[in-house]
Amino acid sequence: MPNKNKTPFFLPYQLRWLNDNSKVKIWEKTRRIGATYVQSYEDVRDCVKKTVPAVWFSSADESAAREYIDYCKIWANLFNVAAKDLGEQVLDKEKDVKAYISI
């Protein structure tokens, strides 16, 4: 896990996000600043540390959802924990609502 000052994985503003232990965090952001990258790390870390029972991540589109899952796989490997990709699950076929599930 990164220390509070320096890490090869995260930029300073991403570290501020990781080190913020507020129950609710809101990030006004622009595109492609690494928010999904750092959030995926935080979510995997919190699951590994068992500070949360599960994580639900909502995205704007399917490519963003897949990007998040791919990052989670990288972090799970870094933490040396097993994660099983259960793939796509259709929640509502008529509305094209899907979930990508990993455990």
N, C-alpha and C. Protein backbone atom coordinates (compact mmCIF):
# COMPACT_ATOMS: atom_id res chain seq x y z
N MET A 1 0.84 -1.19 0.00
CA MET A 1 0.00 0.00 0.00
C MET A 1 0.88 1.24 0.00
N PRO A 2 0.41 2.29 -0.62
CA PRO A 2 1.26 3.48 -0.70
C PRO A 2 1.38 4.17 0.65
N ASN A 3 2.57 4.77 0.86
CA ASN A 3 2.67 5.60 2.06
C ASN A 3 2.05 6.95 1.75
N LYS A 4 1.99 7.82 2.72
CA LYS A 4 1.27 9.07 2.54
C LYS A 4 2.04 10.09 1.70
N ASN A 5 3.31 9.82 1.38
CA ASN A 5 4.11 10.83 0.71
C ASN A 5 4.52 10.49 -0.72
N LYS A 6 4.89 9.24 -0.98
CA LYS A 6 5.45 8.93 -2.29
C LYS A 6 5.16 7.48 -2.64
N THR A 7 4.86 7.25 -3.91
CA THR A 7 4.62 5.90 -4.40
C THR A 7 4.85 5.89 -5.91
N PRO A 8 5.29 4.76 -6.45
CA PRO A 8 5.45 4.70 -7.90
C PRO A 8 4.11 4.51 -8.63
N PHE A 9 3.04 4.27 -7.90
CA PHE A 9 1.76 3.95 -8.52
C PHE A 9 0.82 5.14 -8.68
N PHE A 10 0.92 6.14 -7.80
CA PHE A 10 -0.10 7.19 -7.77
C PHE A 10 0.50 8.58 -7.76
N LEU A 11 -0.23 9.51 -8.35
CA LEU A 11 0.14 10.92 -8.33
C LEU A 11 -0.32 11.55 -7.02
N PRO A 12 0.20 12.72 -6.66
CA PRO A 12 -0.16 13.34 -5.37
C PRO A 12 -1.66 13.50 -5.15
N TYR A 13 -2.41 13.94 -6.16
CA TYR A 13 -3.85 14.13 -5.96
C TYR A 13 -4.56 12.79 -5.79
N GLN A 14 -4.04 11.73 -6.40
CA GLN A 14 -4.61 10.40 -6.20
C GLN A 14 -4.32 9.90 -4.78
N LEU A 15 -3.14 10.20 -4.28
CA LEU A 15 -2.81 9.83 -2.90
C LEU A 15 -3.70 10.56 -1.90
N ARG A 16 -4.02 11.83 -2.18
CA ARG A 16 -4.94 12.55 -1.29
C ARG A 16 -6.30 11.84 -1.26
N TRP A 17 -6.75 11.35 -2.40
CA TRP A 17 -8.01 10.61 -2.47
C TRP A 17 -7.91 9.33 -1.63
N LEU A 18 -6.84 8.59 -1.80
CA LEU A 18 -6.66 7.35 -1.05
C LEU A 18 -6.56 7.57 0.45
N ASN A 19 -5.93 8.65 0.84
CA ASN A 19 -5.71 8.91 2.27
C ASN A 19 -6.89 9.61 2.93
N ASP A 20 -7.92 9.92 2.17
CA ASP A 20 -9.14 10.52 2.72
C ASP A 20 -10.05 9.39 3.20
N ASN A 21 -10.24 9.29 4.50
CA ASN A 21 -11.04 8.21 5.08
C ASN A 21 -12.48 8.63 5.37
N SER A 22 -12.95 9.67 4.73
CA SER A 22 -14.33 10.11 4.92
C SER A 22 -15.29 9.01 4.48
N LYS A 23 -16.45 8.96 5.11
CA LYS A 23 -17.46 7.96 4.72
C LYS A 23 -18.01 8.24 3.34
N VAL A 24 -18.12 9.50 2.98
CA VAL A 24 -18.59 9.90 1.65
C VAL A 24 -17.53 10.82 1.04
N LYS A 25 -17.11 10.49 -0.19
CA LYS A 25 -16.15 11.33 -0.89
C LYS A 25 -16.75 11.70 -2.24
N ILE A 26 -16.59 12.95 -2.61
CA ILE A 26 -17.08 13.43 -3.90
C ILE A 26 -15.90 14.04 -4.64
N TRP A 27 -15.77 13.65 -5.89
CA TRP A 27 -14.64 14.10 -6.68
C TRP A 27 -15.17 14.74 -7.95
N GLU A 28 -15.02 16.05 -8.06
CA GLU A 28 -15.33 16.72 -9.31
C GLU A 28 -14.11 16.53 -10.20
N LYS A 29 -14.31 15.85 -11.30
CA LYS A 29 -13.15 15.46 -12.08
C LYS A 29 -13.35 15.72 -13.57
N THR A 30 -12.27 15.59 -14.30
CA THR A 30 -12.32 15.63 -15.75
C THR A 30 -12.01 14.22 -16.25
N ARG A 31 -12.01 14.08 -17.54
CA ARG A 31 -11.75 12.75 -18.12
C ARG A 31 -10.27 12.40 -18.08
N ARG A 32 -10.03 11.12 -17.91
CA ARG A 32 -8.69 10.53 -18.04
C ARG A 32 -7.67 11.08 -17.05
N ILE A 33 -8.08 11.26 -15.81
CA ILE A 33 -7.14 11.73 -14.78
C ILE A 33 -6.72 10.60 -13.84
N GLY A 34 -7.21 9.39 -14.10
CA GLY A 34 -6.83 8.25 -13.27
C GLY A 34 -7.77 8.01 -12.10
N ALA A 35 -8.97 8.55 -12.15
CA ALA A 35 -9.92 8.35 -11.05
C ALA A 35 -10.35 6.89 -10.95
N THR A 36 -10.65 6.26 -12.07
CA THR A 36 -11.03 4.84 -12.06
C THR A 36 -9.87 3.99 -11.59
N TYR A 37 -8.69 4.33 -12.02
CA TYR A 37 -7.46 3.63 -11.64
C TYR A 37 -7.30 3.64 -10.12
N VAL A 38 -7.35 4.81 -9.51
CA VAL A 38 -7.13 4.92 -8.07
C VAL A 38 -8.32 4.37 -7.29
N GLN A 39 -9.54 4.54 -7.80
CA GLN A 39 -10.71 4.01 -7.09
C GLN A 39 -10.71 2.49 -7.10
N SER A 40 -10.28 1.89 -8.19
CA SER A 40 -10.21 0.44 -8.24
C SER A 40 -9.21 -0.08 -7.21
N TYR A 41 -8.09 0.61 -7.05
CA TYR A 41 -7.12 0.23 -6.03
C TYR A 41 -7.76 0.31 -4.64
N GLU A 42 -8.41 1.44 -4.36
CA GLU A 42 -9.03 1.62 -3.04
C GLU A 42 -10.07 0.53 -2.78
N ASP A 43 -10.85 0.18 -3.78
CA ASP A 43 -11.89 -0.83 -3.60
C ASP A 43 -11.29 -2.20 -3.32
N VAL A 44 -10.26 -2.59 -4.08
CA VAL A 44 -9.60 -3.88 -3.84
C VAL A 44 -8.93 -3.87 -2.47
N ARG A 45 -8.23 -2.80 -2.15
CA ARG A 45 -7.58 -2.69 -0.84
C ARG A 45 -8.58 -2.84 0.29
N ASP A 46 -9.72 -2.16 0.18
CA ASP A 46 -10.72 -2.22 1.24
C ASP A 46 -11.33 -3.62 1.36
N CYS A 47 -11.49 -4.31 0.25
CA CYS A 47 -11.99 -5.69 0.31
C CYS A 47 -10.95 -6.62 0.94
N VAL A 48 -9.68 -6.44 0.56
CA VAL A 48 -8.61 -7.27 1.12
C VAL A 48 -8.50 -7.04 2.63
N LYS A 49 -8.59 -5.78 3.05
CA LYS A 49 -8.50 -5.45 4.49
C LYS A 49 -9.81 -5.74 5.23
N LYS A 50 -10.84 -6.12 4.47
CA LYS A 50 -12.16 -6.43 5.03
C LYS A 50 -12.79 -5.23 5.75
N THR A 51 -12.50 -4.03 5.25
CA THR A 51 -13.15 -2.83 5.80
C THR A 51 -14.50 -2.61 5.16
N VAL A 52 -14.76 -3.32 4.05
CA VAL A 52 -16.07 -3.32 3.39
C VAL A 52 -16.41 -4.76 3.02
N PRO A 53 -17.70 -5.11 3.05
CA PRO A 53 -18.06 -6.49 2.68
C PRO A 53 -18.06 -6.73 1.17
N ALA A 54 -18.33 -5.68 0.40
CA ALA A 54 -18.39 -5.79 -1.06
C ALA A 54 -18.35 -4.40 -1.66
N VAL A 55 -18.12 -4.32 -2.95
CA VAL A 55 -18.07 -3.05 -3.65
C VAL A 55 -18.98 -3.12 -4.86
N TRP A 56 -19.76 -2.07 -5.04
CA TRP A 56 -20.57 -1.89 -6.24
C TRP A 56 -20.03 -0.66 -6.94
N PHE A 57 -19.67 -0.79 -8.20
CA PHE A 57 -19.11 0.32 -8.97
C PHE A 57 -19.99 0.54 -10.18
N SER A 58 -20.48 1.74 -10.35
CA SER A 58 -21.34 2.07 -11.49
C SER A 58 -20.53 2.93 -12.46
N SER A 59 -20.71 2.67 -13.74
CA SER A 59 -19.95 3.42 -14.74
C SER A 59 -20.87 3.99 -15.82
N ALA A 60 -20.32 4.88 -16.60
CA ALA A 60 -21.09 5.56 -17.65
C ALA A 60 -21.40 4.63 -18.82
N ASP A 61 -20.51 3.69 -19.09
CA ASP A 61 -20.73 2.80 -20.23
C ASP A 61 -19.97 1.50 -20.03
N GLU A 62 -20.16 0.60 -20.97
CA GLU A 62 -19.55 -0.74 -20.85
C GLU A 62 -18.03 -0.70 -20.89
N SER A 63 -17.45 0.15 -21.71
CA SER A 63 -15.98 0.20 -21.78
C SER A 63 -15.39 0.69 -20.46
N ALA A 64 -16.05 1.63 -19.80
CA ALA A 64 -15.57 2.10 -18.49
C ALA A 64 -15.70 1.00 -17.44
N ALA A 65 -16.76 0.20 -17.52
CA ALA A 65 -16.93 -0.91 -16.58
C ALA A 65 -15.82 -1.94 -16.76
N ARG A 66 -15.52 -2.25 -18.00
CA ARG A 66 -14.46 -3.22 -18.28
C ARG A 66 -13.10 -2.69 -17.83
N GLU A 67 -12.86 -1.40 -18.01
CA GLU A 67 -11.61 -0.80 -17.57
C GLU A 67 -11.46 -0.94 -16.06
N TYR A 68 -12.53 -0.67 -15.32
CA TYR A 68 -12.51 -0.80 -13.87
C TYR A 68 -12.19 -2.24 -13.46
N ILE A 69 -12.86 -3.21 -14.06
CA ILE A 69 -12.62 -4.62 -13.73
C ILE A 69 -11.18 -5.01 -14.05
N ASP A 70 -10.66 -4.54 -15.17
CA ASP A 70 -9.27 -4.85 -15.52
C ASP A 70 -8.30 -4.28 -14.50
N TYR A 71 -8.55 -3.06 -14.04
CA TYR A 71 -7.70 -2.49 -12.98
C TYR A 71 -7.81 -3.31 -11.71
N CYS A 72 -9.01 -3.72 -11.36
CA CYS A 72 -9.19 -4.53 -10.14
C CYS A 72 -8.38 -5.82 -10.22
N LYS A 73 -8.32 -6.42 -11.39
CA LYS A 73 -7.53 -7.65 -11.57
C LYS A 73 -6.05 -7.37 -11.31
N ILE A 74 -5.57 -6.23 -11.80
CA ILE A 74 -4.17 -5.86 -11.58
C ILE A 74 -3.89 -5.69 -10.09
N TRP A 75 -4.77 -4.97 -9.38
CA TRP A 75 -4.57 -4.74 -7.95
C TRP A 75 -4.69 -6.04 -7.15
N ALA A 76 -5.62 -6.90 -7.52
CA ALA A 76 -5.75 -8.19 -6.82
C ALA A 76 -4.45 -8.97 -6.95
N ASN A 77 -3.86 -8.93 -8.12
CA ASN A 77 -2.57 -9.60 -8.33
C ASN A 77 -1.49 -8.96 -7.46
N LEU A 78 -1.48 -7.64 -7.38
CA LEU A 78 -0.49 -6.94 -6.56
C LEU A 78 -0.63 -7.33 -5.09
N PHE A 79 -1.87 -7.45 -4.62
CA PHE A 79 -2.12 -7.84 -3.23
C PHE A 79 -1.96 -9.35 -3.03
N ASN A 80 -1.70 -10.06 -4.11
CA ASN A 80 -1.52 -11.49 -4.06
C ASN A 80 -2.76 -12.21 -3.51
N VAL A 81 -3.92 -11.78 -3.99
CA VAL A 81 -5.17 -12.42 -3.60
C VAL A 81 -5.84 -12.96 -4.86
N ALA A 82 -6.59 -14.00 -4.68
CA ALA A 82 -7.29 -14.60 -5.80
C ALA A 82 -8.59 -13.85 -6.06
N ALA A 83 -8.90 -13.65 -7.30
CA ALA A 83 -10.17 -13.06 -7.71
C ALA A 83 -10.67 -13.87 -8.89
N LYS A 84 -11.93 -14.20 -8.85
CA LYS A 84 -12.53 -14.97 -9.94
C LYS A 84 -13.46 -14.07 -10.73
N ASP A 85 -13.21 -13.99 -12.02
CA ASP A 85 -14.04 -13.19 -12.91
C ASP A 85 -15.24 -14.03 -13.34
N LEU A 86 -16.43 -13.63 -12.91
CA LEU A 86 -17.64 -14.35 -13.28
C LEU A 86 -18.25 -13.83 -14.58
N GLY A 87 -17.65 -12.79 -15.12
CA GLY A 87 -18.08 -12.27 -16.41
C GLY A 87 -19.35 -11.44 -16.34
N GLU A 88 -19.98 -11.35 -17.48
CA GLU A 88 -21.17 -10.50 -17.63
C GLU A 88 -22.42 -11.23 -17.16
N GLN A 89 -23.23 -10.54 -16.38
CA GLN A 89 -24.52 -11.04 -15.93
C GLN A 89 -25.58 -10.05 -16.41
N VAL A 90 -26.61 -10.51 -17.08
CA VAL A 90 -27.68 -9.65 -17.55
C VAL A 90 -28.70 -9.47 -16.43
N LEU A 91 -28.93 -8.21 -16.05
CA LEU A 91 -29.89 -7.91 -14.99
C LEU A 91 -31.26 -7.57 -15.54
N ASP A 92 -31.29 -6.87 -16.67
CA ASP A 92 -32.56 -6.51 -17.30
C ASP A 92 -32.32 -6.47 -18.82
N LYS A 93 -32.78 -7.52 -19.48
CA LYS A 93 -32.53 -7.65 -20.92
C LYS A 93 -33.20 -6.54 -21.73
N GLU A 94 -34.42 -6.17 -21.36
CA GLU A 94 -35.15 -5.15 -22.10
C GLU A 94 -34.47 -3.79 -22.03
N LYS A 95 -33.91 -3.45 -20.89
CA LYS A 95 -33.25 -2.16 -20.71
C LYS A 95 -31.74 -2.24 -20.94
N ASP A 96 -31.25 -3.44 -21.30
CA ASP A 96 -29.83 -3.68 -21.53
C ASP A 96 -28.98 -3.30 -20.31
N VAL A 97 -29.42 -3.76 -19.13
CA VAL A 97 -28.69 -3.51 -17.89
C VAL A 97 -27.87 -4.76 -17.57
N LYS A 98 -26.56 -4.58 -17.44
CA LYS A 98 -25.64 -5.69 -17.20
C LYS A 98 -24.76 -5.39 -16.00
N ALA A 99 -24.18 -6.44 -15.47
CA ALA A 99 -23.20 -6.31 -14.40
C ALA A 99 -22.02 -7.21 -14.75
N TYR A 100 -20.82 -6.76 -14.42
CA TYR A 100 -19.63 -7.57 -14.55
C TYR A 100 -19.20 -7.92 -13.13
N ILE A 101 -19.13 -9.19 -12.85
CA ILE A 101 -18.97 -9.64 -11.48
C ILE A 101 -17.64 -10.37 -11.29
N SER A 102 -16.94 -10.00 -10.24
CA SER A 102 -15.72 -10.69 -9.82
C SER A 102 -15.84 -10.96 -8.33
N ILE A 103 -15.35 -12.11 -7.93
CA ILE A 103 -15.32 -12.41 -6.48
C ILE A 103 -13.94 -12.86 -6.10
